[in-house]
Structures are given as structure tokens and as C-alpha cells.
Amino acid sequence: MYRQLGPTTLGQLAREYAAIRPCRANSLEQYRIVADLYERWAGGPVALHALDERSVQTFLADYATTARPSTVRSKRAHLLALWRAAADEGFCEPPVRRVRVARSPRPVVEAWTHDEVQQLLHACRLLQRRHRCGLPRWQWWDLAVRLAWDSGLRWGDLVALPVAAVRPDGVTSWTQSKTGRPVTFRLSQTSLEALHASLEACPRALVCPWPASHETFAQQVRVLVRHAGIRSGTWKWLRRASATDVELQQAGGGASHLGHAPGSRVAEVSYLAPAILGRRLACPQPLAPVHVA
């Protein structure tokens, strides 16, 4: 027998998940998203006791026709996490067969080069008006780009970083919201100068406060990238660029810079740009030149 009290559908479970297990706000949002996607695909609310591996796998296969492989894998992980949580609470039976997703080639990781990030900084100078925190927009974005380059922080951590966390020498320690793992980085002297100048102009508690939505932020990044005249990319390209530049200087340093767990291959697979790291590749000795008779 299943428990009579508690959520009965996948959508209800996603919205009441925090009452069952402690969870970060961004994870709760992902649970709600995948539950809504699945129930929309199914044509209505999905009873927890009706979950089955074949239907979930078919949903993922359909979803994969319009989504990137990494997004499909993420949705699979969140959907199975909901299912297992429901089973642990006695709302349904746990999955007994593996739910697979179609294998697809991983895209080559791309990141901006140091020169392109410099162009991005130059484009910040063209911005007009003021940010909501009181800073000129060019100054806010200039500081945000510098902080992202020096720290490699995810967007959510970057806009939540308090000024008090930055030591006078630039060394900063912060606990990542996504993983709960601490990460330490050092702001460059030029970034510290930019921070101090911005604080004189606009005293505040957060280094780069962002009161609007992430969608608004992403849209403004696209405009900034277009003004810079560099390759089209998202804010995540800055995190990749930061890690790749550290890796270029010290093998293995990229993963540590991003705060990944020791031995993790996430940086290698998802963050380090091979086209940039190719500068340090060892090559065979060159063959003799062609002699034209």
C-alpha cells in the first residue's frame, strides 16, 4: 500500500519537495520545470504510482529532438531524483530498470580568449545610463566581467558575492550555491582598483548586485557581446575562459580554480576549451620540407 497523505502527482511532489527533503532553491526550480515538462508531454497530471521506465524514456527521447544532450541528461537526473524521493516516502515503487538517454557526440567546448575578454571590457565603456544600484552601467559591467574572469564563479554566486568576502589582498573564499563546496580565488590588482572605485561611487553590500531576472541579464550579455564584435557566446563562456586560462598556465589548475571536487573530469569535459589549450600541445618533430624539382 502507498501512503495516503502527501502529494499524489509528479507536479505536486515537485512543488512540495522542500517539505520532504532539504534542497537549494535553484534545484527546486529545476524539479518544477521537469515535472511540468513531463506532465505537459503526458497530457495532464501524472500520478506517482503510474510512473514507469518506458514512459520516462520515451519522454526523454522526444525531448532530445529539440534540446541539447547536456540538457536532456540534466532533465533525466532531476526526474529520477523526484521519482526516487517519492519511492523513499512510500508514494510509489522505485524505478527498477535503467532509464537510458540516446548517446550523442559531445560538442567541442568553446570559450573566449584573453583578447576577446579584453574586447568585452572595451565594449563596456560604450554603455550608457545607470544601473539600478546607482553605478553607471559601464562601470557595473566592467566590474562584473573582471570578477567573472578572475574568479570563474557561476552567475548566481557572482551576483551574490558580498563585498565583505573580498580581503584587502584580493583573496576571496566563497561557498558555491550549486555544489556547497568552498572555492578560493584572488582578484587581480586592476580588479581590486575597479572594485574600490565603484564602492566610492556607490557604497553597497554586494560586489555586483543584480535585482532583475536572469533572462534580462542574458539578454543584456548578448547586446554587450554584439557591441564587442567577438564570437557569439553566453556568460558561461567567461567561466570557461577563466578556467582555460588557468589551465594554460598550470596543468590541472582549471578544475581547482572552478572549485570542482578532486579527481572530477567536469572541467575537462565541459569547461576547458581545447582550441586554446592546443597552444601547449606537444607535437612530433616536423618532417623535411617539400623539394620541388
Protein backbone atom coordinates (compact mmCIF):
# COMPACT_ATOMS: atom_id res chain seq x y z
CA MET A 1 0.00 0.00 0.00
CA TYR A 2 1.12 3.52 -0.75
CA ARG A 3 0.87 6.36 1.73
CA GLN A 4 -2.47 8.14 1.61
CA LEU A 5 -1.23 11.52 2.84
CA GLY A 6 1.04 13.66 0.72
CA PRO A 7 1.40 14.57 -2.95
CA THR A 8 -0.21 12.21 -5.43
CA THR A 9 1.07 13.62 -8.72
CA LEU A 10 4.53 14.46 -10.04
CA GLY A 11 3.72 18.17 -10.23
CA GLN A 12 2.53 18.25 -6.62
CA LEU A 13 5.63 16.40 -5.47
CA ALA A 14 7.91 18.90 -7.26
CA ARG A 15 6.19 21.79 -5.52
CA GLU A 16 6.17 20.15 -2.08
CA TYR A 17 9.67 18.67 -2.35
CA ALA A 18 11.17 21.14 0.13
CA ALA A 19 8.82 19.81 2.82
CA ILE A 20 10.18 16.29 2.23
CA ARG A 21 13.90 16.95 1.82
CA PRO A 22 16.15 19.98 2.28
CA CYS A 23 17.00 21.41 -1.12
CA ARG A 24 18.51 24.52 -2.70
CA ALA A 25 16.18 26.99 -4.37
CA ASN A 26 17.71 26.50 -7.83
CA SER A 27 17.27 22.71 -7.55
CA LEU A 28 13.61 23.16 -6.54
CA GLU A 29 13.09 25.27 -9.63
CA GLN A 30 14.60 22.53 -11.83
CA TYR A 31 12.33 19.92 -10.24
CA ARG A 32 9.28 22.08 -11.02
CA ILE A 33 10.44 22.61 -14.58
CA VAL A 34 10.97 18.93 -15.36
CA ALA A 35 7.69 17.93 -13.69
CA ASP A 36 5.79 20.49 -15.77
CA LEU A 37 7.55 19.35 -18.96
CA TYR A 38 6.71 15.71 -18.28
CA GLU A 39 3.08 16.34 -17.39
CA ARG A 40 2.64 18.60 -20.42
CA TRP A 41 4.08 15.81 -22.57
CA ALA A 42 1.78 13.26 -20.90
CA GLY A 43 -1.28 15.45 -21.47
CA GLY A 44 -2.12 16.06 -17.82
CA PRO A 45 -1.17 15.34 -14.19
CA VAL A 46 0.87 12.16 -13.80
CA ALA A 47 0.04 10.01 -10.77
CA LEU A 48 3.15 9.00 -8.86
CA HIS A 49 2.11 5.34 -8.73
CA ALA A 50 1.78 5.37 -12.55
CA LEU A 51 5.42 6.29 -13.23
CA ASP A 52 7.19 3.71 -15.38
CA GLU A 53 10.59 3.50 -17.03
CA ARG A 54 9.33 3.11 -20.59
CA SER A 55 7.22 6.27 -20.48
CA VAL A 56 10.04 8.29 -18.92
CA GLN A 57 12.48 7.04 -21.55
CA THR A 58 10.03 7.90 -24.35
CA PHE A 59 9.57 11.40 -22.92
CA LEU A 60 13.34 11.92 -22.84
CA ALA A 61 13.68 10.67 -26.42
CA ASP A 62 11.04 13.16 -27.59
CA TYR A 63 12.60 15.95 -25.56
CA ALA A 64 16.00 15.19 -27.09
CA THR A 65 14.72 16.17 -30.55
CA THR A 66 14.71 19.85 -29.54
CA ALA A 67 17.13 20.06 -26.59
CA ARG A 68 20.89 19.77 -26.23
CA PRO A 69 22.31 16.47 -24.93
CA SER A 70 23.52 18.10 -21.70
CA THR A 71 20.02 19.49 -21.06
CA VAL A 72 18.44 16.08 -21.66
CA ARG A 73 20.85 14.45 -19.20
CA SER A 74 20.04 17.12 -16.63
CA LYS A 75 16.28 16.59 -17.02
CA ARG A 76 16.74 12.82 -16.69
CA ALA A 77 18.69 13.28 -13.45
CA HIS A 78 16.08 15.62 -11.92
CA LEU A 79 13.16 13.44 -12.98
CA LEU A 80 14.72 10.30 -11.50
CA ALA A 81 15.58 12.21 -8.31
CA LEU A 82 11.89 13.10 -7.91
CA TRP A 83 10.85 9.52 -8.58
CA ARG A 84 13.29 8.05 -6.06
CA ALA A 85 12.28 10.61 -3.43
CA ALA A 86 8.63 9.66 -3.94
CA ALA A 87 9.51 5.97 -3.57
CA ASP A 88 11.51 6.64 -0.39
CA GLU A 89 8.43 8.36 1.08
CA GLY A 90 6.19 5.44 0.15
CA PHE A 91 4.23 7.24 -2.56
CA CYS A 92 5.16 4.78 -5.33
CA GLU A 93 7.52 1.97 -6.32
CA PRO A 94 11.13 2.93 -7.17
CA PRO A 95 12.48 2.62 -10.72
CA VAL A 96 13.83 -0.89 -11.24
CA ARG A 97 15.25 -0.61 -14.76
CA ARG A 98 17.83 1.84 -16.00
CA VAL A 99 16.42 4.81 -17.90
CA ARG A 100 18.80 5.49 -20.75
CA VAL A 101 19.14 8.52 -23.00
CA ALA A 102 20.31 8.33 -26.57
CA ARG A 103 24.05 8.73 -26.89
CA SER A 104 25.17 11.72 -28.89
CA PRO A 105 28.56 13.27 -29.56
CA ARG A 106 29.61 15.91 -27.04
CA PRO A 107 30.08 19.34 -28.60
CA VAL A 108 33.56 20.85 -28.54
CA VAL A 109 33.90 23.25 -25.60
CA GLU A 110 34.30 26.87 -26.70
CA ALA A 111 35.47 29.82 -24.63
CA TRP A 112 36.54 33.37 -25.25
CA THR A 113 40.25 34.06 -25.45
CA HIS A 114 42.04 36.60 -23.27
CA ASP A 115 41.99 39.06 -26.18
CA GLU A 116 38.23 38.62 -26.64
CA VAL A 117 37.62 39.26 -22.94
CA GLN A 118 39.67 42.45 -23.32
CA GLN A 119 37.35 43.44 -26.20
CA LEU A 120 34.38 42.72 -23.96
CA LEU A 121 35.80 45.11 -21.37
CA HIS A 122 36.28 47.76 -24.03
CA ALA A 123 32.64 47.36 -25.10
CA CYS A 124 31.52 48.06 -21.52
CA ARG A 125 32.76 51.63 -21.98
CA LEU A 126 30.11 52.18 -24.64
CA LEU A 127 27.20 51.50 -22.26
CA GLN A 128 25.09 54.45 -21.17
CA ARG A 129 22.60 55.22 -18.38
CA ARG A 130 22.84 53.90 -14.82
CA HIS A 131 22.42 50.52 -13.21
CA ARG A 132 19.72 50.16 -10.55
CA CYS A 133 22.33 50.00 -7.78
CA GLY A 134 23.41 53.52 -8.69
CA LEU A 135 26.58 52.80 -10.66
CA PRO A 136 26.96 53.84 -14.29
CA ARG A 137 26.12 50.75 -16.38
CA TRP A 138 29.58 50.70 -17.96
CA GLN A 139 31.18 50.56 -14.52
CA TRP A 140 28.89 47.76 -13.28
CA TRP A 141 29.50 45.60 -16.35
CA ASP A 142 33.24 46.31 -16.36
CA LEU A 143 33.42 45.10 -12.76
CA ALA A 144 31.24 42.05 -13.48
CA VAL A 145 33.46 40.96 -16.39
CA ARG A 146 36.60 41.42 -14.30
CA LEU A 147 35.15 39.47 -11.39
CA ALA A 148 33.97 36.63 -13.65
CA TRP A 149 37.40 36.42 -15.30
CA ASP A 150 39.36 36.44 -12.04
CA SER A 151 37.07 34.12 -10.09
CA GLY A 152 35.43 31.74 -12.56
CA LEU A 153 32.28 31.98 -10.41
CA ARG A 154 28.91 30.89 -11.71
CA TRP A 155 26.46 33.71 -12.37
CA GLY A 156 24.38 33.00 -9.24
CA ASP A 157 27.43 33.15 -6.99
CA LEU A 158 28.86 36.19 -8.74
CA VAL A 159 25.76 38.36 -8.13
CA ALA A 160 25.50 37.10 -4.52
CA LEU A 161 29.15 37.73 -3.55
CA PRO A 162 29.34 40.21 -0.63
CA VAL A 163 31.92 42.96 -0.56
CA ALA A 164 32.91 41.76 2.93
CA ALA A 165 34.15 38.46 1.47
CA VAL A 166 36.90 40.21 -0.52
CA ARG A 167 40.06 40.62 1.56
CA PRO A 168 42.34 43.65 1.06
CA ASP A 169 44.83 41.48 -0.87
CA GLY A 170 42.06 40.26 -3.20
CA VAL A 171 41.97 36.70 -1.87
CA THR A 172 38.34 35.63 -1.58
CA SER A 173 36.71 32.44 -0.28
CA TRP A 174 33.12 31.61 -1.12
CA THR A 175 30.82 28.60 -0.74
CA GLN A 176 29.25 27.73 -4.08
CA SER A 177 25.46 27.64 -4.04
CA LYS A 178 25.19 24.81 -6.58
CA THR A 179 27.61 22.31 -5.00
CA GLY A 180 28.08 23.57 -1.46
CA ARG A 181 31.84 23.30 -1.99
CA PRO A 182 34.11 26.20 -0.98
CA VAL A 183 36.26 27.86 -3.61
CA THR A 184 39.10 30.37 -3.18
CA PHE A 185 40.33 32.80 -5.81
CA ARG A 186 42.28 36.04 -5.96
CA LEU A 187 41.19 39.25 -7.62
CA SER A 188 43.88 40.98 -9.66
CA GLN A 189 45.16 44.40 -8.69
CA THR A 190 43.28 46.01 -11.57
CA SER A 191 40.04 44.34 -10.46
CA LEU A 192 40.59 45.48 -6.87
CA GLU A 193 41.10 49.03 -8.11
CA ALA A 194 37.89 48.81 -10.14
CA LEU A 195 36.01 47.48 -7.08
CA HIS A 196 37.32 50.21 -4.77
CA ALA A 197 36.48 52.94 -7.30
CA SER A 198 32.94 51.57 -7.66
CA LEU A 199 32.46 51.42 -3.88
CA GLU A 200 33.49 55.05 -3.54
CA ALA A 201 30.93 55.99 -6.15
CA CYS A 202 28.23 53.65 -4.79
CA PRO A 203 28.64 52.04 -1.32
CA ARG A 204 26.83 48.69 -1.21
CA ALA A 205 26.82 45.24 0.41
CA LEU A 206 27.21 43.13 -2.76
CA VAL A 207 30.01 43.40 -5.31
CA CYS A 208 27.71 43.05 -8.34
CA PRO A 209 24.06 43.25 -7.20
CA TRP A 210 21.53 42.24 -9.86
CA PRO A 211 17.88 42.98 -9.00
CA ALA A 212 16.37 41.88 -12.32
CA SER A 213 15.82 38.38 -13.75
CA HIS A 214 18.43 36.04 -15.18
CA GLU A 215 16.67 36.29 -18.55
CA THR A 216 17.18 40.06 -18.56
CA PHE A 217 20.83 39.56 -17.67
CA ALA A 218 21.32 37.06 -20.52
CA GLN A 219 19.67 39.45 -22.99
CA GLN A 220 21.98 42.29 -21.96
CA VAL A 221 25.00 39.99 -22.26
CA ARG A 222 24.02 39.27 -25.87
CA VAL A 223 23.90 43.01 -26.57
CA LEU A 224 27.31 43.53 -24.94
CA VAL A 225 28.85 40.67 -26.94
CA ARG A 226 27.44 42.12 -30.15
CA HIS A 227 28.94 45.54 -29.35
CA ALA A 228 32.29 43.87 -28.61
CA GLY A 229 32.33 42.22 -32.04
CA ILE A 230 33.53 38.88 -30.65
CA ARG A 231 32.27 35.35 -31.18
CA SER A 232 28.69 34.87 -30.06
CA GLY A 233 28.59 33.21 -26.66
CA THR A 234 26.88 33.24 -23.27
CA TRP A 235 28.09 34.45 -19.85
CA LYS A 236 29.19 30.86 -19.21
CA TRP A 237 31.90 31.40 -21.84
CA LEU A 238 33.59 33.72 -19.33
CA ARG A 239 33.68 30.96 -16.70
CA ARG A 240 35.14 28.64 -19.32
CA ALA A 241 37.63 31.30 -20.44
CA SER A 242 38.77 31.82 -16.85
CA ALA A 243 39.30 28.10 -16.22
CA THR A 244 41.02 27.58 -19.58
CA ASP A 245 43.45 30.43 -18.98
CA VAL A 246 44.39 28.99 -15.56
CA GLU A 247 44.79 25.53 -17.10
CA LEU A 248 47.02 27.02 -19.79
CA GLN A 249 49.32 28.33 -17.07
CA GLN A 250 49.22 25.24 -14.86
CA ALA A 251 48.08 21.77 -15.90
CA GLY A 252 45.27 20.65 -13.59
CA GLY A 253 44.73 24.15 -12.27
CA GLY A 254 41.48 24.76 -14.17
CA ALA A 255 39.39 22.29 -12.17
CA SER A 256 40.75 23.57 -8.86
CA HIS A 257 40.09 27.16 -9.93
CA LEU A 258 36.43 26.29 -10.56
CA GLY A 259 36.09 24.59 -7.17
CA HIS A 260 35.44 21.11 -8.56
CA ALA A 261 35.93 18.01 -6.42
CA PRO A 262 39.40 16.42 -6.63
CA GLY A 263 39.53 13.89 -9.46
CA SER A 264 36.46 15.32 -11.20
CA ARG A 265 36.53 15.41 -15.02
CA VAL A 266 33.79 18.04 -15.30
CA ALA A 267 36.27 20.80 -16.11
CA GLU A 268 37.94 18.73 -18.82
CA VAL A 269 34.61 17.75 -20.39
CA SER A 270 32.60 20.94 -20.04
CA TYR A 271 34.84 23.95 -19.35
CA LEU A 272 38.33 23.72 -20.84
CA ALA A 273 38.49 24.91 -24.45
CA PRO A 274 40.78 22.61 -26.47
CA ALA A 275 41.38 25.21 -29.19
CA ILE A 276 43.05 27.45 -26.60
CA LEU A 277 44.82 24.68 -24.70
CA GLY A 278 46.19 23.41 -28.01
CA ARG A 279 48.94 26.03 -27.71
CA ARG A 280 50.79 23.83 -25.25
CA LEU A 281 50.31 20.51 -27.08
CA ALA A 282 53.47 18.57 -27.75
CA CYS A 283 53.90 17.89 -31.46
CA PRO A 284 56.01 15.39 -33.40
CA GLN A 285 59.17 16.70 -34.97
CA PRO A 286 58.44 18.39 -38.31
CA LEU A 287 59.16 16.42 -41.46
CA ALA A 288 61.57 17.65 -44.08
CA PRO A 289 60.17 20.35 -46.40
CA VAL A 290 58.99 19.50 -49.89
CA HIS A 291 61.68 19.97 -52.53
CA VAL A 292 60.19 20.90 -55.88
CA ALA A 293 62.35 19.81 -58.78
